[in-house]
């Protein structure tokens, strides 16, 4: 009984965990090389498909619901511009449409999205992705 009480006291005094910290930090993967066939000047890297991108983002987004809700808001429509590096990590993220959400909330959601773990791909400069996020409480 005493160990359980001690554990409860420790949990009560523990600092709150940032939502992004609830997710594992992704590790970079080896980039896939792109090799055009000789004579095929129109060849372009494939990058990632929607089927490869959507489930990864869908897996991390529920964690953003742990970001503190902006006061007085019942819904938000946000848009993020991501660049997914060839190593599968997000190399940049920017808010394109903030729907007048507070900066702290945008930073929290951005840090959650940053934890997305994509497969490696063949676009050496990264793959740009526009990601809409609609939240309702």
C-alpha atoms as a PDB file:
ATOM      1  CA  UNK A   1       0.000   0.000   0.000  1.00  0.00           C
ATOM      2  CA  UNK A   2       2.818   2.426   0.835  1.00  0.00           C
ATOM      3  CA  UNK A   3       4.585   1.934  -2.548  1.00  0.00           C
ATOM      4  CA  UNK A   4       1.313   2.738  -4.322  1.00  0.00           C
ATOM      5  CA  UNK A   5       0.847   5.880  -2.225  1.00  0.00           C
ATOM      6  CA  UNK A   6       4.423   6.914  -2.943  1.00  0.00           C
ATOM      7  CA  UNK A   7       3.891   6.386  -6.678  1.00  0.00           C
ATOM      8  CA  UNK A   8       0.728   8.495  -6.608  1.00  0.00           C
ATOM      9  CA  UNK A   9       2.560  11.294  -4.801  1.00  0.00           C
ATOM     10  CA  UNK A  10       5.382  11.183  -7.335  1.00  0.00           C
ATOM     11  CA  UNK A  11       2.936  11.341 -10.239  1.00  0.00           C
ATOM     12  CA  UNK A  12       1.101  14.262  -8.677  1.00  0.00           C
ATOM     13  CA  UNK A  13       4.359  16.225  -8.401  1.00  0.00           C
ATOM     14  CA  UNK A  14       5.643  15.308 -11.863  1.00  0.00           C
ATOM     15  CA  UNK A  15       5.768  18.074 -14.423  1.00  0.00           C
ATOM     16  CA  UNK A  16       3.178  17.805 -17.194  1.00  0.00           C
ATOM     17  CA  UNK A  17       4.411  16.172 -20.373  1.00  0.00           C
ATOM     18  CA  UNK A  18       4.259  18.230 -23.567  1.00  0.00           C
ATOM     19  CA  UNK A  19       1.962  16.529 -26.090  1.00  0.00           C
ATOM     20  CA  UNK A  20       4.776  15.925 -28.612  1.00  0.00           C
ATOM     21  CA  UNK A  21       6.792  14.152 -25.898  1.00  0.00           C
ATOM     22  CA  UNK A  22       4.096  11.465 -25.812  1.00  0.00           C
ATOM     23  CA  UNK A  23       5.269  10.344 -29.250  1.00  0.00           C
ATOM     24  CA  UNK A  24       8.565   8.638 -30.078  1.00  0.00           C
ATOM     25  CA  UNK A  25      11.166  10.808 -31.734  1.00  0.00           C
ATOM     26  CA  UNK A  26      11.603   9.542 -35.303  1.00  0.00           C
ATOM     27  CA  UNK A  27      15.025   8.441 -36.496  1.00  0.00           C
ATOM     28  CA  UNK A  28      16.353   9.365 -39.940  1.00  0.00           C
ATOM     29  CA  UNK A  29      16.414   6.641 -42.563  1.00  0.00           C
ATOM     30  CA  UNK A  30      18.773   6.260 -45.467  1.00  0.00           C
ATOM     31  CA  UNK A  31      17.577   8.328 -48.429  1.00  0.00           C
ATOM     32  CA  UNK A  32      16.595   6.414 -51.526  1.00  0.00           C
ATOM     33  CA  UNK A  33      18.617   7.263 -54.590  1.00  0.00           C
ATOM     34  CA  UNK A  34      17.016   8.411 -57.793  1.00  0.00           C
ATOM     35  CA  UNK A  35      18.479   7.110 -61.025  1.00  0.00           C
ATOM     36  CA  UNK A  36      16.947   8.131 -64.336  1.00  0.00           C
ATOM     37  CA  UNK A  37      17.085   5.675 -67.177  1.00  0.00           C
ATOM     38  CA  UNK A  38      19.484   6.764 -69.925  1.00  0.00           C
ATOM     39  CA  UNK A  39      17.704   8.937 -72.471  1.00  0.00           C
ATOM     40  CA  UNK A  40      14.742   9.663 -70.155  1.00  0.00           C
ATOM     41  CA  UNK A  41      15.117  13.410 -69.610  1.00  0.00           C
ATOM     42  CA  UNK A  42      11.557  13.677 -68.279  1.00  0.00           C
ATOM     43  CA  UNK A  43      12.139  11.234 -65.425  1.00  0.00           C
ATOM     44  CA  UNK A  44      11.419  12.627 -61.962  1.00  0.00           C
ATOM     45  CA  UNK A  45      11.720  11.160 -58.472  1.00  0.00           C
ATOM     46  CA  UNK A  46       8.557   9.514 -57.138  1.00  0.00           C
ATOM     47  CA  UNK A  47       8.612  10.940 -53.612  1.00  0.00           C
ATOM     48  CA  UNK A  48       5.837   9.617 -51.380  1.00  0.00           C
ATOM     49  CA  UNK A  49       2.265   8.767 -52.304  1.00  0.00           C
ATOM     50  CA  UNK A  50      -0.851   9.963 -50.523  1.00  0.00           C
ATOM     51  CA  UNK A  51      -1.239   6.395 -49.232  1.00  0.00           C
ATOM     52  CA  UNK A  52       2.211   6.669 -47.606  1.00  0.00           C
ATOM     53  CA  UNK A  53       1.683  10.163 -46.168  1.00  0.00           C
ATOM     54  CA  UNK A  54      -1.901  10.131 -44.849  1.00  0.00           C
ATOM     55  CA  UNK A  55      -1.633   7.246 -42.360  1.00  0.00           C
ATOM     56  CA  UNK A  56       1.547   8.672 -40.841  1.00  0.00           C
ATOM     57  CA  UNK A  57      -0.067  12.066 -40.229  1.00  0.00           C
ATOM     58  CA  UNK A  58      -3.315  10.425 -39.097  1.00  0.00           C
ATOM     59  CA  UNK A  59      -1.323   8.487 -36.481  1.00  0.00           C
ATOM     60  CA  UNK A  60       0.245  11.551 -34.826  1.00  0.00           C
ATOM     61  CA  UNK A  61      -2.575  14.080 -35.105  1.00  0.00           C
ATOM     62  CA  UNK A  62      -4.739  12.726 -32.240  1.00  0.00           C
ATOM     63  CA  UNK A  63      -1.877  13.613 -29.895  1.00  0.00           C
ATOM     64  CA  UNK A  64      -2.404  17.274 -30.814  1.00  0.00           C
ATOM     65  CA  UNK A  65      -5.724  17.072 -28.986  1.00  0.00           C
ATOM     66  CA  UNK A  66      -3.607  17.220 -25.811  1.00  0.00           C
ATOM     67  CA  UNK A  67      -2.433  20.729 -26.774  1.00  0.00           C
ATOM     68  CA  UNK A  68      -4.165  23.278 -24.528  1.00  0.00           C
ATOM     69  CA  UNK A  69      -7.380  24.423 -26.169  1.00  0.00           C
ATOM     70  CA  UNK A  70      -7.347  28.118 -27.070  1.00  0.00           C
ATOM     71  CA  UNK A  71      -9.756  30.036 -24.860  1.00  0.00           C
ATOM     72  CA  UNK A  72     -13.112  30.740 -26.440  1.00  0.00           C
ATOM     73  CA  UNK A  73     -12.544  28.548 -29.516  1.00  0.00           C
ATOM     74  CA  UNK A  74     -14.730  25.586 -30.402  1.00  0.00           C
ATOM     75  CA  UNK A  75     -13.051  24.819 -33.717  1.00  0.00           C
ATOM     76  CA  UNK A  76     -10.000  25.730 -35.778  1.00  0.00           C
ATOM     77  CA  UNK A  77      -9.113  25.253 -39.442  1.00  0.00           C
ATOM     78  CA  UNK A  78      -5.333  25.292 -39.792  1.00  0.00           C
ATOM     79  CA  UNK A  79      -3.066  24.617 -42.744  1.00  0.00           C
ATOM     80  CA  UNK A  80       0.580  23.578 -42.483  1.00  0.00           C
ATOM     81  CA  UNK A  81       3.253  23.471 -45.182  1.00  0.00           C
ATOM     82  CA  UNK A  82       5.641  20.581 -44.566  1.00  0.00           C
ATOM     83  CA  UNK A  83       8.769  19.444 -46.313  1.00  0.00           C
ATOM     84  CA  UNK A  84       9.423  15.752 -45.778  1.00  0.00           C
ATOM     85  CA  UNK A  85      13.129  15.102 -46.135  1.00  0.00           C
ATOM     86  CA  UNK A  86      14.328  12.125 -48.141  1.00  0.00           C
ATOM     87  CA  UNK A  87      15.334  10.592 -44.786  1.00  0.00           C
ATOM     88  CA  UNK A  88      11.665  10.460 -43.721  1.00  0.00           C
ATOM     89  CA  UNK A  89      11.895  13.324 -41.203  1.00  0.00           C
ATOM     90  CA  UNK A  90      10.082  16.620 -41.522  1.00  0.00           C
ATOM     91  CA  UNK A  91      12.808  19.084 -42.469  1.00  0.00           C
ATOM     92  CA  UNK A  92      10.592  22.167 -42.233  1.00  0.00           C
ATOM     93  CA  UNK A  93       7.119  23.081 -41.081  1.00  0.00           C
ATOM     94  CA  UNK A  94       5.307  26.384 -41.417  1.00  0.00           C
ATOM     95  CA  UNK A  95       1.793  27.527 -40.640  1.00  0.00           C
ATOM     96  CA  UNK A  96       0.119  28.705 -43.849  1.00  0.00           C
ATOM     97  CA  UNK A  97      -3.297  29.456 -42.311  1.00  0.00           C
ATOM     98  CA  UNK A  98      -3.458  29.981 -38.549  1.00  0.00           C
ATOM     99  CA  UNK A  99      -7.200  30.784 -38.255  1.00  0.00           C
ATOM    100  CA  UNK A 100      -6.101  33.381 -35.671  1.00  0.00           C
ATOM    101  CA  UNK A 101      -5.029  30.654 -33.244  1.00  0.00           C
ATOM    102  CA  UNK A 102      -2.556  31.667 -30.527  1.00  0.00           C
ATOM    103  CA  UNK A 103       1.124  31.124 -31.291  1.00  0.00           C
ATOM    104  CA  UNK A 104       1.503  28.734 -28.337  1.00  0.00           C
ATOM    105  CA  UNK A 105      -1.208  26.479 -29.747  1.00  0.00           C
ATOM    106  CA  UNK A 106       0.296  26.552 -33.248  1.00  0.00           C
ATOM    107  CA  UNK A 107       3.705  25.673 -31.807  1.00  0.00           C
ATOM    108  CA  UNK A 108       2.232  22.778 -29.849  1.00  0.00           C
ATOM    109  CA  UNK A 109       0.474  21.308 -32.906  1.00  0.00           C
ATOM    110  CA  UNK A 110       3.591  21.880 -35.046  1.00  0.00           C
ATOM    111  CA  UNK A 111       5.755  20.020 -32.542  1.00  0.00           C
ATOM    112  CA  UNK A 112       3.336  17.075 -32.619  1.00  0.00           C
ATOM    113  CA  UNK A 113       3.333  16.970 -36.429  1.00  0.00           C
ATOM    114  CA  UNK A 114       7.152  17.160 -36.343  1.00  0.00           C
ATOM    115  CA  UNK A 115       7.121  13.693 -34.706  1.00  0.00           C
ATOM    116  CA  UNK A 116       5.642  12.067 -37.825  1.00  0.00           C
ATOM    117  CA  UNK A 117       7.866   9.213 -39.012  1.00  0.00           C
ATOM    118  CA  UNK A 118       7.660   8.866 -42.795  1.00  0.00           C
ATOM    119  CA  UNK A 119       9.417   6.281 -44.936  1.00  0.00           C
ATOM    120  CA  UNK A 120      12.525   7.364 -46.820  1.00  0.00           C
ATOM    121  CA  UNK A 121      12.004   8.492 -50.405  1.00  0.00           C
ATOM    122  CA  UNK A 122      13.934   9.573 -53.492  1.00  0.00           C
ATOM    123  CA  UNK A 123      13.398  13.368 -53.579  1.00  0.00           C
ATOM    124  CA  UNK A 124      16.793  14.646 -52.441  1.00  0.00           C
ATOM    125  CA  UNK A 125      15.545  18.197 -51.813  1.00  0.00           C
ATOM    126  CA  UNK A 126      12.543  16.961 -49.839  1.00  0.00           C
ATOM    127  CA  UNK A 127       8.888  16.591 -50.696  1.00  0.00           C
ATOM    128  CA  UNK A 128       6.556  19.546 -50.071  1.00  0.00           C
ATOM    129  CA  UNK A 129       3.169  18.677 -48.574  1.00  0.00           C
ATOM    130  CA  UNK A 130       0.232  20.916 -47.662  1.00  0.00           C
ATOM    131  CA  UNK A 131      -1.564  19.556 -44.611  1.00  0.00           C
ATOM    132  CA  UNK A 132      -4.954  20.877 -43.461  1.00  0.00           C
ATOM    133  CA  UNK A 133      -5.857  20.297 -39.812  1.00  0.00           C
ATOM    134  CA  UNK A 134      -9.435  20.832 -38.672  1.00  0.00           C
ATOM    135  CA  UNK A 135     -10.013  20.658 -34.923  1.00  0.00           C
ATOM    136  CA  UNK A 136     -13.332  20.674 -33.067  1.00  0.00           C
ATOM    137  CA  UNK A 137     -13.849  20.500 -29.324  1.00  0.00           C
END
